[in-house]
Amino acid sequence: MGVSGFGQGLVVAPLVDTVLSRVHPDDAGAGSGVLNTVTQAGMAFGVAVIGALYRGFLGTNPQAPGPDTGMADFAEAFDLTAYVLAALAVGTALLAVRLGRVPAGARPAAGAHAEGAQGPADRSAVRPDAATGADTDR
C-alpha cells in the first residue's frame, strides 16, 4: 500500500499540472472542477472493473467460493489482475508522456493578456463568423 501511495504521489501532482496548464487562466476553476470530477468517477469505475476482472479470473464469488476453490486459485486470480493493472499503468505512463509534450507557445500565460487581447468580459462580445472564421461583433 505504501508503494501505491508513493507512486500516486509521483504521478498525480504532475498530471494535474499538465492538464491544467492547457486550460486558460480565466477557466482554471471550471477546469479544476471538471478534472476532479472525472478523476473521482474514473477511480470508482476503475475499482469496479478491476474487481469484476478479479472475480472473472477467479471463476467464482470471492466471498462465497466453491468447495473446490483453493488458495492457489485466489493467488492466480490476484496475479492475473496485477498483470492487467501493470499493463494499464504502462499505457497510462505512455499517454502521460505524450500529453506532457506541449508545443512552445501553446500554454496560456498565467494572468497576463497580450496587448489588445480580449479579457474575460470581452469574450462574449465577439464571436467567429461561421463562413470565414473572422471575428465579428454581435
Protein backbone atom coordinates (compact mmCIF):
# COMPACT_ATOMS: atom_id res chain seq x y z
CA MET A 1 0.00 0.00 0.00
CA GLY A 2 2.91 2.34 0.72
CA VAL A 3 4.35 1.72 -2.74
CA SER A 4 0.99 2.56 -4.31
CA GLY A 5 0.70 5.78 -2.31
CA PHE A 6 4.27 6.77 -3.20
CA GLY A 7 3.58 6.10 -6.90
CA GLN A 8 0.38 8.13 -6.82
CA GLY A 9 2.24 11.00 -5.19
CA LEU A 10 4.76 10.96 -8.04
CA VAL A 11 2.07 10.87 -10.72
CA VAL A 12 -0.92 12.87 -9.53
CA ALA A 13 0.68 16.30 -8.98
CA PRO A 14 2.50 16.43 -12.35
CA LEU A 15 -0.59 15.08 -14.12
CA VAL A 16 -2.84 17.75 -12.61
CA ASP A 17 -0.26 20.40 -13.53
CA THR A 18 -0.05 19.11 -17.11
CA VAL A 19 -3.81 19.01 -17.58
CA LEU A 20 -4.49 22.42 -16.01
CA SER A 21 -1.64 24.03 -17.97
CA ARG A 22 -3.78 23.56 -21.06
CA VAL A 23 -6.70 25.50 -19.54
CA HIS A 24 -6.98 29.26 -19.99
CA PRO A 25 -6.36 31.02 -16.66
CA ASP A 26 -9.86 32.51 -16.72
CA ASP A 27 -11.30 28.98 -16.84
CA ALA A 28 -8.97 27.44 -14.23
CA GLY A 29 -11.72 26.99 -11.62
CA ALA A 30 -14.04 25.17 -14.01
CA GLY A 31 -11.15 23.13 -15.41
CA SER A 32 -10.10 22.07 -11.93
CA GLY A 33 -13.67 21.09 -11.05
CA VAL A 34 -14.07 19.01 -14.20
CA LEU A 35 -10.67 17.37 -13.63
CA ASN A 36 -11.59 16.40 -10.05
CA THR A 37 -15.00 15.08 -11.10
CA VAL A 38 -13.57 12.99 -13.92
CA THR A 39 -10.79 11.71 -11.64
CA GLN A 40 -13.24 10.59 -8.96
CA ALA A 41 -15.60 8.95 -11.45
CA GLY A 42 -12.67 7.25 -13.16
CA MET A 43 -11.37 5.85 -9.87
CA ALA A 44 -14.80 4.47 -8.94
CA PHE A 45 -15.26 2.93 -12.38
CA GLY A 46 -11.72 1.52 -12.29
CA VAL A 47 -12.24 -0.19 -8.95
CA ALA A 48 -15.47 -1.75 -10.21
CA VAL A 49 -13.85 -3.00 -13.43
CA ILE A 50 -10.78 -4.41 -11.69
CA GLY A 51 -12.99 -6.12 -9.10
CA ALA A 52 -15.06 -7.66 -11.88
CA LEU A 53 -11.86 -8.83 -13.61
CA TYR A 54 -10.62 -10.43 -10.39
CA ARG A 55 -13.92 -12.24 -9.92
CA GLY A 56 -13.84 -13.33 -13.56
CA PHE A 57 -10.28 -14.67 -13.22
CA LEU A 58 -11.25 -16.46 -10.01
CA GLY A 59 -14.31 -18.01 -11.64
CA THR A 60 -16.47 -17.77 -8.54
CA ASN A 61 -17.68 -15.29 -5.93
CA PRO A 62 -14.67 -14.44 -3.70
CA GLN A 63 -16.92 -14.05 -0.65
CA ALA A 64 -18.58 -17.44 -1.14
CA PRO A 65 -16.09 -19.63 -3.03
CA GLY A 66 -16.98 -23.13 -4.09
CA PRO A 67 -15.62 -26.13 -2.23
CA ASP A 68 -13.04 -26.78 -4.94
CA THR A 69 -11.59 -23.22 -4.82
CA GLY A 70 -8.22 -23.22 -3.10
CA MET A 71 -5.69 -20.61 -2.11
CA ALA A 72 -3.80 -21.23 -5.36
CA ASP A 73 -6.90 -20.10 -7.30
CA PHE A 74 -7.04 -16.85 -5.33
CA ALA A 75 -3.31 -16.27 -5.89
CA GLU A 76 -3.63 -16.94 -9.63
CA ALA A 77 -6.57 -14.54 -9.95
CA PHE A 78 -4.62 -11.93 -8.00
CA ASP A 79 -1.55 -12.37 -10.23
CA LEU A 80 -3.59 -12.06 -13.44
CA THR A 81 -5.33 -8.95 -12.12
CA ALA A 82 -1.95 -7.46 -11.12
CA TYR A 83 -0.63 -8.08 -14.66
CA VAL A 84 -3.63 -6.22 -16.09
CA LEU A 85 -3.02 -3.32 -13.68
CA ALA A 86 0.67 -3.23 -14.62
CA ALA A 87 -0.20 -3.12 -18.34
CA LEU A 88 -2.67 -0.30 -17.68
CA ALA A 89 -0.02 1.59 -15.69
CA VAL A 90 2.45 1.32 -18.57
CA GLY A 91 -0.22 2.51 -21.03
CA THR A 92 -1.07 5.43 -18.76
CA ALA A 93 2.60 6.37 -18.44
CA LEU A 94 2.98 6.40 -22.22
CA LEU A 95 -0.11 8.59 -22.59
CA ALA A 96 1.17 10.94 -19.88
CA VAL A 97 4.48 11.32 -21.69
CA ARG A 98 2.60 12.09 -24.90
CA LEU A 99 0.30 14.55 -23.11
CA GLY A 100 3.25 16.28 -21.47
CA ARG A 101 4.68 17.35 -24.83
CA VAL A 102 3.03 20.71 -25.35
CA PRO A 103 4.30 22.78 -28.31
CA ALA A 104 6.02 26.04 -27.43
CA GLY A 105 3.54 28.91 -27.20
CA ALA A 106 0.56 26.59 -26.68
CA ARG A 107 0.41 27.22 -22.94
CA PRO A 108 -1.51 30.36 -21.95
CA ALA A 109 0.37 32.92 -19.88
CA ALA A 110 -0.91 32.87 -16.32
CA GLY A 111 -2.81 36.05 -15.51
CA ALA A 112 -1.44 38.04 -18.45
CA HIS A 113 -3.22 39.07 -21.60
CA ALA A 114 -1.42 40.31 -24.67
CA GLU A 115 -1.94 43.94 -25.61
CA GLY A 116 -5.25 44.21 -27.40
CA ALA A 117 -6.29 40.72 -26.37
CA GLN A 118 -9.77 40.20 -25.04
CA GLY A 119 -10.27 39.75 -21.34
CA PRO A 120 -12.97 37.59 -19.78
CA ALA A 121 -15.59 40.35 -20.07
CA ASP A 122 -14.75 40.95 -23.73
CA ARG A 123 -15.06 37.33 -24.90
CA SER A 124 -18.86 37.39 -25.10
CA ALA A 125 -18.83 40.45 -27.36
CA VAL A 126 -17.03 38.82 -30.27
CA ARG A 127 -17.75 35.52 -31.98
CA PRO A 128 -16.17 33.89 -35.03
CA ASP A 129 -18.06 34.17 -38.30
CA ALA A 130 -19.05 30.65 -39.33
CA ALA A 131 -18.27 31.19 -43.00
CA THR A 132 -14.92 32.99 -42.79
CA GLY A 133 -13.69 32.27 -39.28
CA ALA A 134 -13.16 36.02 -38.78
CA ASP A 135 -14.23 37.69 -35.55
CA THR A 136 -17.45 39.67 -35.84
CA ASP A 137 -19.24 41.89 -33.33
CA ARG A 138 -22.56 40.57 -32.04
